[in-house]
Amino acid sequence: MVHQAQGQMVQEVAAGSLPAPPSRYVLREEDRPTAGAAAAPELLSFPTVDVQRLADPGDVEETAKLRSALESWGLFAVTGHGMPESLLDGIRSAGLEFFHLPSSEKLKHANRTDAGEFQPEGYGIDRVDTDEQVLDWCDRLYLTVQPEEARRPQFWPTTPPSLPKLLHDYTLGSERVAKLVLAAMARALGFADDFFLDLVGEKGGTDARFTYYPPCPRPDLVYGLKPHTDNSVVTVLLLDPGAGGLQVLKDGRWVDVPVLGRGELLVVVGEEMEIMSNAVFRAPTHRVVTGERERMTLVLFYQPEPEKVLVPAEEFVGEGRPALYKKLGAKAFADGFWDAFALGERTIDFLKVKVERQEQQAA
């Protein structure tokens, strides 16, 4: 199968002032965001965790709050991360400035090979496998940011000139947040702080995704980003402080994630953590709906070392709780994500990682 690397950028489509999105973006009626109204998050007490308090092993109250947020939502807002608002505002502004550049400048970093096929890194749209695939209403810039030696300079914009340094600094700050959260997740379950960190490895990879959502003339017809779970152990998100759009599937219905403050982040459990913890922590399904104003978000995905094997840790398997997932290499799982994402499936389901009930009984 040839994976198309480049269609028309959504930003260019949106600039045409069309009364409605072209048919390639229009969802089936039953899939449209208005098919089931989203619940208001304030009615459900959306969780917020202070990572500065998490850094204190003696703060059992905040650790308990973290565990409650993970088990009931799979994601939570973050305060106390120590990154100045000037850094967060700076990386937001630099990202928007990149997407506002002329197409010719952005396409210098296009996400395609010399043969014109899709590759994850770079600027463009997400992978398109068929002419029938419904497209998301977004453009994106995807970069490997850690380890530093894995960075590929040809995909890193040099305009605006502030972007590389801002992204580097933001990556280091977000990595600290991810590690504090992973240590506290282990502590919440009665393990040593390095329990999940050891499973991830010292050279775990991190990918960054800037996603630009242009204004949409008919937000009720499209997805900004289709329902999905994350290819990560945990994901750290920097959202637009001026507009919402992210929704999470909770207890069978879509719930709006509230608009966060300028200095707040969002942390989401990824599928790799779901496997490692044998579903003690589950990756929530989430999606993005569009609006009448532009939005941009920055997401960092924290992943295990490619050589690591994803398997439920033995501490989570025992009598009465069989292993729910099969063994799979971290690199194979990461590669399978793009196939699953294009189809709108969870990677766990697409790769058939989940152990079927009859296999559990046989074991």
Protein backbone atom coordinates (compact mmCIF):
# COMPACT_ATOMS: atom_id res chain seq x y z
CA MET A 1 0.00 0.00 0.00
CA VAL A 2 1.31 3.44 -0.92
CA HIS A 3 0.80 5.95 1.85
CA GLN A 4 0.16 9.42 0.47
CA ALA A 5 2.39 12.00 2.07
CA GLN A 6 0.79 15.15 0.85
CA GLY A 7 -2.68 16.30 0.03
CA GLN A 8 -3.78 19.90 0.14
CA MET A 9 -3.03 21.50 3.48
CA VAL A 10 -6.16 22.12 5.53
CA GLN A 11 -5.00 25.67 6.14
CA GLU A 12 -5.15 26.27 2.38
CA VAL A 13 -8.62 24.73 2.17
CA ALA A 14 -9.85 26.92 5.02
CA ALA A 15 -8.43 30.04 3.36
CA GLY A 16 -10.83 29.49 0.43
CA SER A 17 -13.77 30.85 2.45
CA LEU A 18 -15.98 27.91 1.51
CA PRO A 19 -19.49 27.74 3.03
CA ALA A 20 -18.82 24.14 4.13
CA PRO A 21 -15.83 21.76 4.24
CA PRO A 22 -15.16 19.67 1.11
CA SER A 23 -16.62 16.14 1.17
CA ARG A 24 -13.23 14.57 2.05
CA TYR A 25 -13.59 16.04 5.55
CA VAL A 26 -17.29 15.44 6.15
CA LEU A 27 -18.14 12.65 8.61
CA ARG A 28 -20.98 10.20 8.37
CA GLU A 29 -23.99 11.57 10.18
CA GLU A 30 -23.70 9.11 13.07
CA ASP A 31 -20.02 10.03 13.61
CA ARG A 32 -20.47 13.79 13.75
CA PRO A 33 -19.58 15.62 16.98
CA THR A 34 -23.18 16.74 17.39
CA ALA A 35 -24.48 13.14 17.37
CA GLY A 36 -24.03 13.05 21.15
CA ALA A 37 -23.79 16.30 23.07
CA ALA A 38 -20.70 16.62 25.24
CA ALA A 39 -21.14 16.89 28.99
CA ALA A 40 -19.88 19.92 30.88
CA PRO A 41 -16.65 19.10 32.77
CA GLU A 42 -17.47 21.34 35.72
CA LEU A 43 -20.33 19.00 36.58
CA LEU A 44 -17.85 16.13 36.80
CA SER A 45 -15.05 17.78 38.84
CA PHE A 46 -12.24 17.72 36.28
CA PRO A 47 -9.03 16.79 38.16
CA THR A 48 -6.00 19.02 38.67
CA VAL A 49 -2.71 17.81 40.18
CA ASP A 50 0.19 19.89 41.52
CA VAL A 51 3.40 18.20 40.35
CA GLN A 52 5.47 20.27 42.74
CA ARG A 53 3.65 18.51 45.54
CA LEU A 54 4.07 15.17 43.75
CA ALA A 55 7.82 15.67 43.97
CA ASP A 56 7.50 15.31 47.74
CA PRO A 57 7.27 11.57 48.51
CA GLY A 58 5.64 12.42 51.82
CA ASP A 59 2.68 14.19 50.23
CA VAL A 60 0.29 11.22 50.26
CA GLU A 61 -2.73 13.48 49.72
CA GLU A 62 -1.56 14.70 46.30
CA THR A 63 -0.44 11.20 45.32
CA ALA A 64 -3.90 9.88 46.19
CA LYS A 65 -5.43 12.66 44.11
CA LEU A 66 -3.23 11.60 41.18
CA ARG A 67 -4.34 7.97 41.45
CA SER A 68 -7.99 8.99 41.59
CA ALA A 69 -7.57 11.16 38.48
CA LEU A 70 -5.84 8.35 36.58
CA GLU A 71 -8.40 5.72 37.49
CA SER A 72 -11.47 7.87 36.85
CA TRP A 73 -10.32 9.97 33.88
CA GLY A 74 -6.94 8.79 32.55
CA LEU A 75 -5.90 12.45 32.24
CA PHE A 76 -5.58 15.52 34.42
CA ALA A 77 -4.56 19.18 34.43
CA VAL A 78 -1.11 20.00 35.82
CA THR A 79 0.06 22.95 37.89
CA GLY A 80 3.32 23.54 39.77
CA HIS A 81 5.51 22.32 36.89
CA GLY A 82 8.04 25.14 37.26
CA MET A 83 8.09 26.30 33.63
CA PRO A 84 7.61 30.07 33.35
CA GLU A 85 4.57 31.34 31.48
CA SER A 86 6.96 33.27 29.23
CA LEU A 87 8.30 29.94 27.92
CA LEU A 88 4.82 28.53 27.36
CA ASP A 89 3.64 31.72 25.65
CA GLY A 90 6.84 31.80 23.61
CA ILE A 91 6.52 28.28 22.22
CA ARG A 92 2.83 28.86 21.47
CA SER A 93 3.65 32.06 19.57
CA ALA A 94 6.55 30.48 17.68
CA GLY A 95 4.39 27.52 16.65
CA LEU A 96 1.63 29.79 15.37
CA GLU A 97 4.19 31.93 13.55
CA PHE A 98 5.45 28.81 11.75
CA PHE A 99 1.96 27.86 10.58
CA HIS A 100 1.39 31.44 9.38
CA LEU A 101 4.44 31.26 7.07
CA PRO A 102 3.95 30.93 3.29
CA SER A 103 3.41 27.34 2.14
CA SER A 104 6.69 27.34 0.24
CA GLU A 105 8.58 27.98 3.48
CA LYS A 106 6.72 25.33 5.47
CA LEU A 107 7.07 22.71 2.74
CA LYS A 108 10.86 22.85 3.10
CA HIS A 109 10.15 20.56 6.09
CA ALA A 110 7.49 18.38 4.42
CA ASN A 111 6.69 14.96 5.87
CA ARG A 112 7.52 12.97 2.76
CA THR A 113 10.40 10.97 1.38
CA ASP A 114 12.18 11.76 -1.89
CA ALA A 115 9.75 9.29 -3.49
CA GLY A 116 6.81 11.29 -2.17
CA GLU A 117 5.67 8.79 0.44
CA PHE A 118 4.51 9.62 3.96
CA GLN A 119 6.91 9.61 6.88
CA PRO A 120 5.92 10.64 10.39
CA GLU A 121 8.37 13.51 10.85
CA GLY A 122 7.89 16.89 9.29
CA TYR A 123 5.16 19.30 8.25
CA GLY A 124 1.99 18.25 6.49
CA ILE A 125 -1.19 16.32 7.11
CA ASP A 126 -1.53 12.90 8.71
CA ARG A 127 -1.18 9.75 6.63
CA VAL A 128 -3.79 9.09 3.96
CA ASP A 129 -4.21 5.45 2.93
CA THR A 130 -7.30 5.50 0.70
CA ASP A 131 -9.43 7.89 -1.32
CA GLU A 132 -12.36 7.05 0.98
CA GLN A 133 -10.54 8.02 4.20
CA VAL A 134 -12.23 10.94 5.95
CA LEU A 135 -9.59 13.58 6.64
CA ASP A 136 -9.09 15.51 9.86
CA TRP A 137 -9.38 19.31 9.87
CA CYS A 138 -5.78 19.99 10.91
CA ASP A 139 -2.19 20.38 9.73
CA ARG A 140 0.75 19.34 11.85
CA LEU A 141 4.49 19.57 12.43
CA TYR A 142 5.89 16.35 13.93
CA LEU A 143 9.44 16.19 15.30
CA THR A 144 11.58 13.74 17.25
CA VAL A 145 12.96 15.80 20.13
CA GLN A 146 14.61 13.22 22.41
CA PRO A 147 17.18 11.78 22.53
CA GLU A 148 18.95 14.81 21.12
CA GLU A 149 21.14 12.72 18.83
CA ALA A 150 17.99 11.41 17.10
CA ARG A 151 16.87 14.87 16.02
CA ARG A 152 16.76 15.36 12.24
CA PRO A 153 17.63 18.99 11.45
CA GLN A 154 16.00 18.94 8.01
CA PHE A 155 12.57 18.83 9.67
CA TRP A 156 13.26 21.51 12.29
CA PRO A 157 12.09 24.94 11.14
CA THR A 158 14.62 27.75 11.33
CA THR A 159 11.82 30.31 10.91
CA PRO A 160 10.89 31.67 13.32
CA PRO A 161 14.51 31.52 14.59
CA SER A 162 13.33 31.29 18.20
CA LEU A 163 11.47 28.00 17.69
CA PRO A 164 14.33 25.43 18.03
CA LYS A 165 15.60 26.84 21.34
CA LEU A 166 12.11 27.30 22.75
CA LEU A 167 11.18 23.75 21.81
CA HIS A 168 14.39 22.41 23.35
CA ASP A 169 13.75 24.22 26.63
CA TYR A 170 10.09 23.22 26.67
CA THR A 171 11.04 19.59 25.99
CA LEU A 172 13.33 19.52 29.03
CA GLY A 173 10.65 21.05 31.25
CA SER A 174 7.97 18.67 30.02
CA GLU A 175 10.29 15.70 30.45
CA ARG A 176 10.68 16.65 34.08
CA VAL A 177 6.88 16.70 34.44
CA ALA A 178 6.57 13.27 32.81
CA LYS A 179 9.22 11.76 35.09
CA LEU A 180 7.65 13.25 38.23
CA VAL A 181 4.28 11.85 37.18
CA LEU A 182 5.72 8.39 36.43
CA ALA A 183 7.48 8.31 39.80
CA ALA A 184 4.29 9.33 41.60
CA MET A 185 2.23 6.77 39.64
CA ALA A 186 4.56 4.05 40.91
CA ARG A 187 4.40 5.43 44.45
CA ALA A 188 0.59 5.49 44.31
CA LEU A 189 0.67 1.73 43.72
CA GLY A 190 3.15 1.06 46.52
CA PHE A 191 6.26 0.70 44.33
CA ALA A 192 9.59 2.53 44.34
CA ASP A 193 9.72 5.81 42.41
CA ASP A 194 11.85 4.29 39.64
CA PHE A 195 9.48 1.37 38.92
CA PHE A 196 7.92 2.74 35.71
CA LEU A 197 11.02 4.80 34.86
CA ASP A 198 13.05 1.57 34.69
CA LEU A 199 10.44 0.00 32.40
CA VAL A 200 10.72 3.00 30.08
CA GLY A 201 14.54 3.12 30.15
CA GLU A 202 16.97 6.03 30.34
CA LYS A 203 16.97 6.57 26.57
CA GLY A 204 13.24 6.64 26.00
CA GLY A 205 12.18 8.63 22.97
CA THR A 206 10.05 11.76 22.84
CA ASP A 207 8.16 13.07 19.83
CA ALA A 208 6.58 16.51 19.58
CA ARG A 209 3.48 17.35 17.57
CA PHE A 210 2.38 20.91 16.84
CA THR A 211 -1.19 20.71 15.54
CA TYR A 212 -2.86 23.63 13.81
CA TYR A 213 -6.66 23.71 13.56
CA PRO A 214 -7.81 26.39 11.08
CA PRO A 215 -11.20 28.05 11.50
CA CYS A 216 -13.93 25.73 10.20
CA PRO A 217 -17.15 26.97 8.51
CA ARG A 218 -19.14 23.94 9.77
CA PRO A 219 -17.62 22.48 12.95
CA ASP A 220 -20.60 20.14 13.27
CA LEU A 221 -19.52 18.17 10.18
CA VAL A 222 -15.85 17.37 10.86
CA TYR A 223 -13.27 16.22 13.37
CA GLY A 224 -10.29 18.39 14.12
CA LEU A 225 -8.64 15.10 15.11
CA LYS A 226 -10.44 11.76 15.02
CA PRO A 227 -11.01 9.67 18.20
CA HIS A 228 -7.77 7.98 19.22
CA THR A 229 -5.56 6.88 22.08
CA ASP A 230 -1.93 7.95 22.39
CA ASN A 231 1.22 6.12 21.33
CA SER A 232 3.01 6.90 24.58
CA VAL A 233 3.63 5.96 28.19
CA VAL A 234 2.33 9.39 29.12
CA THR A 235 1.59 12.44 26.98
CA VAL A 236 2.07 16.07 28.01
CA LEU A 237 -0.12 18.63 26.24
CA LEU A 238 0.10 22.40 25.99
CA LEU A 239 -3.37 23.51 24.93
CA ASP A 240 -4.68 26.76 23.52
CA PRO A 241 -5.57 28.95 26.53
CA GLY A 242 -8.22 30.82 24.54
CA ALA A 243 -10.44 28.05 23.21
CA GLY A 244 -11.48 24.49 23.96
CA GLY A 245 -11.97 21.61 21.55
CA LEU A 246 -10.45 18.55 23.23
CA GLN A 247 -12.99 15.96 24.36
CA VAL A 248 -12.50 12.69 26.26
CA LEU A 249 -14.73 9.62 26.20
CA LYS A 250 -15.75 9.04 29.82
CA ASP A 251 -18.29 6.45 30.92
CA GLY A 252 -19.60 6.12 27.38
CA ARG A 253 -20.11 9.80 26.61
CA TRP A 254 -17.96 12.63 25.31
CA VAL A 255 -16.91 15.23 27.87
CA ASP A 256 -15.33 18.61 27.11
CA VAL A 257 -11.88 19.04 28.61
CA PRO A 258 -12.07 22.53 30.13
CA VAL A 259 -10.06 25.43 28.75
CA LEU A 260 -6.93 25.49 30.92
CA GLY A 261 -5.07 28.51 32.22
CA ARG A 262 -2.02 29.89 30.37
CA GLY A 263 0.32 28.18 32.83
CA GLU A 264 -1.39 24.79 33.01
CA LEU A 265 -0.55 21.57 31.16
CA LEU A 266 -2.53 18.39 30.57
CA VAL A 267 -1.17 14.86 31.13
CA VAL A 268 -2.77 11.85 29.42
CA VAL A 269 -2.11 8.13 29.94
CA GLY A 270 -0.90 6.36 26.77
CA GLU A 271 -1.38 2.82 25.51
CA GLU A 272 2.13 1.71 26.50
CA MET A 273 1.31 2.49 30.13
CA GLU A 274 -1.95 0.58 29.80
CA ILE A 275 0.05 -2.50 28.73
CA MET A 276 2.79 -2.09 31.36
CA SER A 277 0.26 -1.68 34.17
CA ASN A 278 -1.95 -4.52 32.90
CA ALA A 279 -4.83 -2.01 32.58
CA VAL A 280 -4.55 -0.65 36.13
CA PHE A 281 -4.13 2.64 34.24
CA ARG A 282 -6.07 2.86 30.97
CA ALA A 283 -5.43 5.10 27.98
CA PRO A 284 -8.50 7.28 27.45
CA THR A 285 -10.00 7.75 23.99
CA HIS A 286 -10.08 11.42 23.05
CA ARG A 287 -10.82 13.59 20.03
CA VAL A 288 -10.70 17.22 18.93
CA VAL A 289 -13.64 19.21 17.59
CA THR A 290 -13.17 22.39 15.58
CA GLY A 291 -14.48 25.91 15.95
CA GLU A 292 -14.75 29.24 14.20
CA ARG A 293 -11.32 30.47 15.36
CA GLU A 294 -7.85 29.04 14.81
CA ARG A 295 -6.21 26.92 17.49
CA MET A 296 -2.79 25.39 17.97
CA THR A 297 -1.61 22.80 20.47
CA LEU A 298 1.75 21.23 21.28
CA VAL A 299 1.84 17.61 22.39
CA LEU A 300 4.86 15.61 23.62
CA PHE A 301 4.66 11.82 23.56
CA TYR A 302 6.98 9.99 25.99
CA GLN A 303 7.84 6.51 24.77
CA PRO A 304 9.98 3.58 25.96
CA GLU A 305 13.39 2.81 24.54
CA PRO A 306 12.83 1.11 21.14
CA GLU A 307 14.62 -2.04 22.36
CA LYS A 308 12.25 -2.45 25.31
CA VAL A 309 9.59 -5.16 25.28
CA LEU A 310 6.06 -4.07 26.12
CA VAL A 311 4.46 -6.60 28.45
CA PRO A 312 2.41 -6.38 31.66
CA ALA A 313 4.89 -6.09 34.54
CA GLU A 314 4.91 -9.26 36.64
CA GLU A 315 3.85 -7.21 39.68
CA PHE A 316 0.45 -6.70 37.99
CA VAL A 317 -0.10 -10.34 37.08
CA GLY A 318 -1.17 -13.07 39.46
CA GLU A 319 -3.96 -15.32 40.60
CA GLY A 320 -7.24 -13.71 39.69
CA ARG A 321 -5.56 -11.15 37.42
CA PRO A 322 -4.10 -12.75 34.29
CA ALA A 323 -1.98 -10.85 31.80
CA LEU A 324 -4.39 -8.91 29.59
CA TYR A 325 -1.84 -8.13 26.85
CA LYS A 326 0.66 -10.09 24.79
CA LYS A 327 4.37 -9.34 24.58
CA LEU A 328 5.39 -6.93 21.82
CA GLY A 329 8.49 -4.88 21.06
CA ALA A 330 8.19 -1.15 21.72
CA LYS A 331 9.39 -0.30 18.19
CA ALA A 332 6.87 -2.66 16.58
CA PHE A 333 4.12 -1.08 18.65
CA ALA A 334 5.20 2.44 17.68
CA ASP A 335 5.33 1.49 13.98
CA GLY A 336 1.87 -0.08 14.20
CA PHE A 337 0.43 3.12 15.63
CA TRP A 338 0.41 4.87 12.24
CA ASP A 339 -1.54 2.02 10.63
CA ALA A 340 -4.02 2.03 13.49
CA PHE A 341 -4.36 5.81 13.59
CA ALA A 342 -5.14 6.04 9.86
CA LEU A 343 -7.96 3.53 10.41
CA GLY A 344 -9.22 5.23 13.56
CA GLU A 345 -8.38 2.21 15.75
CA ARG A 346 -6.55 1.74 19.03
CA THR A 347 -3.06 0.33 18.40
CA ILE A 348 -3.73 -2.34 21.03
CA ASP A 349 -6.74 -3.51 19.03
CA PHE A 350 -5.16 -3.14 15.59
CA LEU A 351 -2.09 -5.20 16.52
CA LYS A 352 -4.26 -7.71 18.42
CA VAL A 353 -2.13 -7.21 21.54
CA LYS A 354 -5.04 -7.82 23.87
CA VAL A 355 -5.38 -11.39 25.16
CA GLU A 356 -8.76 -12.84 24.30
CA ARG A 357 -10.90 -14.31 27.07
CA GLN A 358 -10.41 -17.89 25.88
CA GLU A 359 -6.62 -17.42 25.88
CA GLN A 360 -6.79 -16.14 29.47
CA GLN A 361 -8.78 -19.19 30.52
CA ALA A 362 -6.33 -21.52 28.76
CA ALA A 363 -3.43 -19.85 30.59
